[in-house]
């Protein structure tokens, strides 16, 4: 879990207790303002050691410059401060009017980034190259940019995309179809495409 602040954010570790409650066990300060997206990599094609990537929101006046990516080696040290390294943001903001990241996930060798103000999920390879884009559907008129969370899940040979809408609160699950070269390894079914 990551919580955002003005100049720093917290990463919080939770554990389930024997009586079914979620209990905070550790908390780390990260030099990443207004963190929203966080994901974990254990792939040497991306980073030489296991790494956590955090998307901070700089809330810049020029919305194309809002994103700041920071990496942290994993496992985390047991003290409060986490040393961060900057990641080249230029690779992850190309062609965007608003680079705010709501969520990220490393899945099947690709980094999937949810840019909620763009209504877009973009997949990147280990070189930082855009592989494909998915334009998200409008769930509720005037609330199309309120997608705040995503999770890709593989069940057998099928892949599902779970989306969380902030306002009005909704959870969507979309069973993805096998993809093509243009749309990536998976694509939205025709009924969910925004073309």
C-alpha atoms as a PDB file:
ATOM      1  CA  UNK A   1       0.000   0.000   0.000  1.00  0.00           C
ATOM      2  CA  UNK A   2       1.255   3.516  -0.778  1.00  0.00           C
ATOM      3  CA  UNK A   3      -0.122   6.762   0.607  1.00  0.00           C
ATOM      4  CA  UNK A   4       0.780  10.150  -0.836  1.00  0.00           C
ATOM      5  CA  UNK A   5       1.832  13.387   0.802  1.00  0.00           C
ATOM      6  CA  UNK A   6       3.041  16.772  -0.405  1.00  0.00           C
ATOM      7  CA  UNK A   7       6.799  16.064  -0.489  1.00  0.00           C
ATOM      8  CA  UNK A   8       6.965  12.425   0.566  1.00  0.00           C
ATOM      9  CA  UNK A   9       4.807   9.344   0.606  1.00  0.00           C
ATOM     10  CA  UNK A  10       4.582   6.285   2.805  1.00  0.00           C
ATOM     11  CA  UNK A  11       4.796   2.629   1.894  1.00  0.00           C
ATOM     12  CA  UNK A  12       2.937   0.605   4.482  1.00  0.00           C
ATOM     13  CA  UNK A  13       3.242  -3.132   5.110  1.00  0.00           C
ATOM     14  CA  UNK A  14       0.158  -4.906   6.447  1.00  0.00           C
ATOM     15  CA  UNK A  15      -0.418  -8.414   7.777  1.00  0.00           C
ATOM     16  CA  UNK A  16      -3.638 -10.256   8.543  1.00  0.00           C
ATOM     17  CA  UNK A  17      -3.999 -11.103  12.224  1.00  0.00           C
ATOM     18  CA  UNK A  18      -5.311 -14.461  13.432  1.00  0.00           C
ATOM     19  CA  UNK A  19      -8.681 -12.815  14.185  1.00  0.00           C
ATOM     20  CA  UNK A  20      -9.062 -11.571  10.591  1.00  0.00           C
ATOM     21  CA  UNK A  21      -8.022  -7.947  11.064  1.00  0.00           C
ATOM     22  CA  UNK A  22      -5.545  -6.100   8.858  1.00  0.00           C
ATOM     23  CA  UNK A  23      -2.705  -4.740  10.989  1.00  0.00           C
ATOM     24  CA  UNK A  24       0.055  -2.275  10.050  1.00  0.00           C
ATOM     25  CA  UNK A  25       3.460  -3.811  10.733  1.00  0.00           C
ATOM     26  CA  UNK A  26       5.967  -1.457   9.074  1.00  0.00           C
ATOM     27  CA  UNK A  27       6.004   1.994   7.469  1.00  0.00           C
ATOM     28  CA  UNK A  28       8.655   3.574   5.239  1.00  0.00           C
ATOM     29  CA  UNK A  29       9.052   7.211   4.069  1.00  0.00           C
ATOM     30  CA  UNK A  30       9.760   7.656   0.362  1.00  0.00           C
ATOM     31  CA  UNK A  31      10.979  10.787  -1.367  1.00  0.00           C
ATOM     32  CA  UNK A  32       8.131  10.633  -3.915  1.00  0.00           C
ATOM     33  CA  UNK A  33       5.291  13.167  -3.587  1.00  0.00           C
ATOM     34  CA  UNK A  34       1.649  12.113  -3.956  1.00  0.00           C
ATOM     35  CA  UNK A  35       2.462   8.514  -4.856  1.00  0.00           C
ATOM     36  CA  UNK A  36      -0.402   6.648  -6.500  1.00  0.00           C
ATOM     37  CA  UNK A  37       1.019   3.820  -8.605  1.00  0.00           C
ATOM     38  CA  UNK A  38       3.330   1.123  -7.291  1.00  0.00           C
ATOM     39  CA  UNK A  39       4.490  -2.192  -8.738  1.00  0.00           C
ATOM     40  CA  UNK A  40       7.123  -4.858  -8.117  1.00  0.00           C
ATOM     41  CA  UNK A  41       9.631  -6.280 -10.647  1.00  0.00           C
ATOM     42  CA  UNK A  42      11.574  -9.505 -10.264  1.00  0.00           C
ATOM     43  CA  UNK A  43      12.866  -9.631 -13.840  1.00  0.00           C
ATOM     44  CA  UNK A  44      16.538  -9.064 -14.691  1.00  0.00           C
ATOM     45  CA  UNK A  45      15.516  -7.808 -18.161  1.00  0.00           C
ATOM     46  CA  UNK A  46      14.078  -4.750 -16.382  1.00  0.00           C
ATOM     47  CA  UNK A  47      16.233  -4.252 -13.282  1.00  0.00           C
ATOM     48  CA  UNK A  48      19.365  -6.169 -12.135  1.00  0.00           C
ATOM     49  CA  UNK A  49      17.846  -6.768  -8.661  1.00  0.00           C
ATOM     50  CA  UNK A  50      14.227  -7.097  -7.465  1.00  0.00           C
ATOM     51  CA  UNK A  51      12.787  -3.564  -7.573  1.00  0.00           C
ATOM     52  CA  UNK A  52       9.706  -1.610  -6.583  1.00  0.00           C
ATOM     53  CA  UNK A  53       8.677   1.191  -8.959  1.00  0.00           C
ATOM     54  CA  UNK A  54       6.648   4.150  -7.656  1.00  0.00           C
ATOM     55  CA  UNK A  55       4.755   6.741  -9.722  1.00  0.00           C
ATOM     56  CA  UNK A  56       4.669  10.113  -7.976  1.00  0.00           C
ATOM     57  CA  UNK A  57       2.419  13.011  -8.999  1.00  0.00           C
ATOM     58  CA  UNK A  58       4.334  16.303  -9.075  1.00  0.00           C
ATOM     59  CA  UNK A  59       1.057  18.190  -9.704  1.00  0.00           C
ATOM     60  CA  UNK A  60       2.904  20.359 -12.218  1.00  0.00           C
ATOM     61  CA  UNK A  61       1.096  23.220 -13.951  1.00  0.00           C
ATOM     62  CA  UNK A  62       2.012  21.629 -17.281  1.00  0.00           C
ATOM     63  CA  UNK A  63       0.030  18.399 -16.910  1.00  0.00           C
ATOM     64  CA  UNK A  64       2.329  16.539 -19.304  1.00  0.00           C
ATOM     65  CA  UNK A  65       5.085  16.891 -16.643  1.00  0.00           C
ATOM     66  CA  UNK A  66       3.217  15.476 -13.633  1.00  0.00           C
ATOM     67  CA  UNK A  67       4.872  12.047 -13.580  1.00  0.00           C
ATOM     68  CA  UNK A  68       8.005  11.265 -11.584  1.00  0.00           C
ATOM     69  CA  UNK A  69       9.129   7.626 -11.410  1.00  0.00           C
ATOM     70  CA  UNK A  70      11.316   6.352  -8.563  1.00  0.00           C
ATOM     71  CA  UNK A  71      12.781   2.888  -8.070  1.00  0.00           C
ATOM     72  CA  UNK A  72      13.655   1.202  -4.789  1.00  0.00           C
ATOM     73  CA  UNK A  73      15.696  -2.000  -4.454  1.00  0.00           C
ATOM     74  CA  UNK A  74      13.864  -4.850  -2.740  1.00  0.00           C
ATOM     75  CA  UNK A  75      13.790  -6.131  -0.011  1.00  0.00           C
ATOM     76  CA  UNK A  76      13.393  -2.869   1.862  1.00  0.00           C
ATOM     77  CA  UNK A  77      15.688  -2.099   4.803  1.00  0.00           C
ATOM     78  CA  UNK A  78      14.068  -2.339   8.232  1.00  0.00           C
ATOM     79  CA  UNK A  79      14.520   1.365   9.088  1.00  0.00           C
ATOM     80  CA  UNK A  80      12.153   4.210   8.086  1.00  0.00           C
ATOM     81  CA  UNK A  81      13.895   5.874   5.121  1.00  0.00           C
ATOM     82  CA  UNK A  82      14.019   4.242   1.701  1.00  0.00           C
ATOM     83  CA  UNK A  83      16.769   5.258  -0.732  1.00  0.00           C
ATOM     84  CA  UNK A  84      15.221   5.968  -4.136  1.00  0.00           C
ATOM     85  CA  UNK A  85      16.644   6.245  -7.645  1.00  0.00           C
ATOM     86  CA  UNK A  86      15.105   8.332 -10.426  1.00  0.00           C
ATOM     87  CA  UNK A  87      13.868   6.574 -13.532  1.00  0.00           C
ATOM     88  CA  UNK A  88      13.876   8.379 -16.892  1.00  0.00           C
ATOM     89  CA  UNK A  89      10.332   9.763 -17.102  1.00  0.00           C
ATOM     90  CA  UNK A  90      10.669  10.891 -20.720  1.00  0.00           C
ATOM     91  CA  UNK A  91      10.059   7.363 -21.954  1.00  0.00           C
ATOM     92  CA  UNK A  92       6.738   7.168 -20.104  1.00  0.00           C
ATOM     93  CA  UNK A  93       5.119  10.516 -20.997  1.00  0.00           C
ATOM     94  CA  UNK A  94       5.464  10.636 -24.782  1.00  0.00           C
ATOM     95  CA  UNK A  95       2.291  11.736 -26.534  1.00  0.00           C
ATOM     96  CA  UNK A  96       0.369  12.367 -23.296  1.00  0.00           C
ATOM     97  CA  UNK A  97      -1.406  15.620 -22.414  1.00  0.00           C
ATOM     98  CA  UNK A  98      -1.700  14.553 -18.741  1.00  0.00           C
ATOM     99  CA  UNK A  99       0.882  12.113 -17.380  1.00  0.00           C
ATOM    100  CA  UNK A 100      -0.817  11.400 -14.020  1.00  0.00           C
ATOM    101  CA  UNK A 101      -0.540   7.696 -13.202  1.00  0.00           C
ATOM    102  CA  UNK A 102      -3.295   6.097 -11.156  1.00  0.00           C
ATOM    103  CA  UNK A 103      -1.885   2.559 -11.100  1.00  0.00           C
ATOM    104  CA  UNK A 104       0.803   0.276 -12.544  1.00  0.00           C
ATOM    105  CA  UNK A 105       1.362  -3.453 -12.827  1.00  0.00           C
ATOM    106  CA  UNK A 106       4.216  -5.611 -14.079  1.00  0.00           C
ATOM    107  CA  UNK A 107       2.511  -8.532 -15.835  1.00  0.00           C
ATOM    108  CA  UNK A 108       3.863 -11.158 -18.252  1.00  0.00           C
ATOM    109  CA  UNK A 109       7.071  -9.202 -18.931  1.00  0.00           C
ATOM    110  CA  UNK A 110       5.394  -5.846 -19.657  1.00  0.00           C
ATOM    111  CA  UNK A 111       4.766  -2.755 -17.518  1.00  0.00           C
ATOM    112  CA  UNK A 112       1.101  -1.716 -17.726  1.00  0.00           C
ATOM    113  CA  UNK A 113       0.431   1.900 -16.712  1.00  0.00           C
ATOM    114  CA  UNK A 114      -3.038   3.350 -16.081  1.00  0.00           C
ATOM    115  CA  UNK A 115      -3.097   7.050 -17.039  1.00  0.00           C
ATOM    116  CA  UNK A 116      -6.516   7.896 -15.653  1.00  0.00           C
ATOM    117  CA  UNK A 117      -6.759  11.469 -16.987  1.00  0.00           C
ATOM    118  CA  UNK A 118      -6.073  10.069 -20.473  1.00  0.00           C
ATOM    119  CA  UNK A 119      -8.493   7.101 -20.031  1.00  0.00           C
ATOM    120  CA  UNK A 120      -5.602   4.925 -21.165  1.00  0.00           C
ATOM    121  CA  UNK A 121      -3.655   1.816 -20.219  1.00  0.00           C
ATOM    122  CA  UNK A 122      -0.303   1.732 -21.966  1.00  0.00           C
ATOM    123  CA  UNK A 123       2.063  -1.264 -22.015  1.00  0.00           C
ATOM    124  CA  UNK A 124       5.854  -0.848 -22.144  1.00  0.00           C
ATOM    125  CA  UNK A 125       8.648  -3.328 -22.757  1.00  0.00           C
ATOM    126  CA  UNK A 126      11.973  -3.502 -20.888  1.00  0.00           C
ATOM    127  CA  UNK A 127      13.515  -0.887 -23.205  1.00  0.00           C
ATOM    128  CA  UNK A 128      10.831   1.650 -22.253  1.00  0.00           C
ATOM    129  CA  UNK A 129       9.190   1.383 -25.678  1.00  0.00           C
ATOM    130  CA  UNK A 130       5.424   1.606 -25.970  1.00  0.00           C
ATOM    131  CA  UNK A 131       4.099  -1.783 -27.067  1.00  0.00           C
ATOM    132  CA  UNK A 132       0.380  -0.908 -27.269  1.00  0.00           C
ATOM    133  CA  UNK A 133      -2.418   1.257 -25.837  1.00  0.00           C
ATOM    134  CA  UNK A 134      -5.859   0.334 -24.544  1.00  0.00           C
ATOM    135  CA  UNK A 135      -8.366   3.195 -24.512  1.00  0.00           C
ATOM    136  CA  UNK A 136     -10.677   2.668 -21.542  1.00  0.00           C
ATOM    137  CA  UNK A 137     -14.451   2.707 -21.849  1.00  0.00           C
ATOM    138  CA  UNK A 138     -16.510   5.522 -20.329  1.00  0.00           C
ATOM    139  CA  UNK A 139     -18.318   3.965 -17.385  1.00  0.00           C
ATOM    140  CA  UNK A 140     -20.441   6.978 -16.468  1.00  0.00           C
ATOM    141  CA  UNK A 141     -20.817  10.097 -18.629  1.00  0.00           C
ATOM    142  CA  UNK A 142     -18.584  12.959 -17.309  1.00  0.00           C
ATOM    143  CA  UNK A 143     -16.616  10.504 -15.116  1.00  0.00           C
ATOM    144  CA  UNK A 144     -14.498   8.808 -17.795  1.00  0.00           C
ATOM    145  CA  UNK A 145     -11.182   9.825 -16.221  1.00  0.00           C
ATOM    146  CA  UNK A 146     -11.973   8.511 -12.741  1.00  0.00           C
ATOM    147  CA  UNK A 147     -10.472   5.037 -13.262  1.00  0.00           C
ATOM    148  CA  UNK A 148      -8.232   4.705 -10.204  1.00  0.00           C
ATOM    149  CA  UNK A 149      -7.091   1.094 -10.088  1.00  0.00           C
ATOM    150  CA  UNK A 150      -6.389  -1.892 -12.293  1.00  0.00           C
ATOM    151  CA  UNK A 151      -5.217  -5.447 -11.923  1.00  0.00           C
ATOM    152  CA  UNK A 152      -4.525  -7.999 -14.642  1.00  0.00           C
ATOM    153  CA  UNK A 153      -5.174 -11.597 -13.603  1.00  0.00           C
ATOM    154  CA  UNK A 154      -4.442 -14.855 -15.393  1.00  0.00           C
ATOM    155  CA  UNK A 155      -6.832 -17.731 -14.682  1.00  0.00           C
ATOM    156  CA  UNK A 156      -5.726 -20.796 -16.635  1.00  0.00           C
ATOM    157  CA  UNK A 157      -5.366 -19.574 -20.216  1.00  0.00           C
ATOM    158  CA  UNK A 158      -7.751 -16.622 -19.744  1.00  0.00           C
ATOM    159  CA  UNK A 159      -6.757 -13.069 -18.792  1.00  0.00           C
ATOM    160  CA  UNK A 160      -9.030 -10.664 -16.909  1.00  0.00           C
ATOM    161  CA  UNK A 161      -8.655  -6.928 -16.384  1.00  0.00           C
ATOM    162  CA  UNK A 162     -10.152  -5.623 -13.144  1.00  0.00           C
ATOM    163  CA  UNK A 163     -10.813  -1.852 -13.071  1.00  0.00           C
ATOM    164  CA  UNK A 164     -11.846   0.354 -10.139  1.00  0.00           C
ATOM    165  CA  UNK A 165     -13.805   3.537 -10.801  1.00  0.00           C
ATOM    166  CA  UNK A 166     -13.499   6.229  -8.126  1.00  0.00           C
ATOM    167  CA  UNK A 167     -16.697   8.177  -8.677  1.00  0.00           C
ATOM    168  CA  UNK A 168     -19.311   6.817  -8.713  1.00  0.00           C
ATOM    169  CA  UNK A 169     -17.688   3.775  -7.067  1.00  0.00           C
ATOM    170  CA  UNK A 170     -17.698   0.747  -9.372  1.00  0.00           C
ATOM    171  CA  UNK A 171     -15.640  -2.383  -9.975  1.00  0.00           C
ATOM    172  CA  UNK A 172     -15.455  -3.799 -13.491  1.00  0.00           C
ATOM    173  CA  UNK A 173     -14.029  -7.095 -14.689  1.00  0.00           C
ATOM    174  CA  UNK A 174     -13.388  -7.502 -18.400  1.00  0.00           C
ATOM    175  CA  UNK A 175     -12.403 -10.858 -19.878  1.00  0.00           C
ATOM    176  CA  UNK A 176      -9.755 -10.019 -22.471  1.00  0.00           C
ATOM    177  CA  UNK A 177      -9.619 -11.722 -25.855  1.00  0.00           C
ATOM    178  CA  UNK A 178      -6.476 -13.088 -27.490  1.00  0.00           C
ATOM    179  CA  UNK A 179      -4.727 -10.158 -29.129  1.00  0.00           C
ATOM    180  CA  UNK A 180      -2.969  -9.342 -32.314  1.00  0.00           C
ATOM    181  CA  UNK A 181       0.314  -7.613 -33.098  1.00  0.00           C
ATOM    182  CA  UNK A 182      -1.260  -4.139 -33.071  1.00  0.00           C
ATOM    183  CA  UNK A 183      -3.325  -4.509 -29.888  1.00  0.00           C
ATOM    184  CA  UNK A 184      -0.891  -6.526 -27.815  1.00  0.00           C
ATOM    185  CA  UNK A 185      -1.066 -10.059 -26.430  1.00  0.00           C
ATOM    186  CA  UNK A 186      -4.625  -9.424 -25.218  1.00  0.00           C
ATOM    187  CA  UNK A 187      -7.346  -6.977 -26.259  1.00  0.00           C
ATOM    188  CA  UNK A 188     -10.716  -5.744 -25.095  1.00  0.00           C
ATOM    189  CA  UNK A 189     -13.756  -7.596 -26.362  1.00  0.00           C
ATOM    190  CA  UNK A 190     -15.600  -5.641 -29.024  1.00  0.00           C
ATOM    191  CA  UNK A 191     -18.338  -4.548 -26.571  1.00  0.00           C
ATOM    192  CA  UNK A 192     -15.770  -2.752 -24.331  1.00  0.00           C
ATOM    193  CA  UNK A 193     -13.639  -1.049 -26.968  1.00  0.00           C
ATOM    194  CA  UNK A 194     -13.600   2.739 -27.214  1.00  0.00           C
ATOM    195  CA  UNK A 195     -12.865   3.139 -30.906  1.00  0.00           C
END
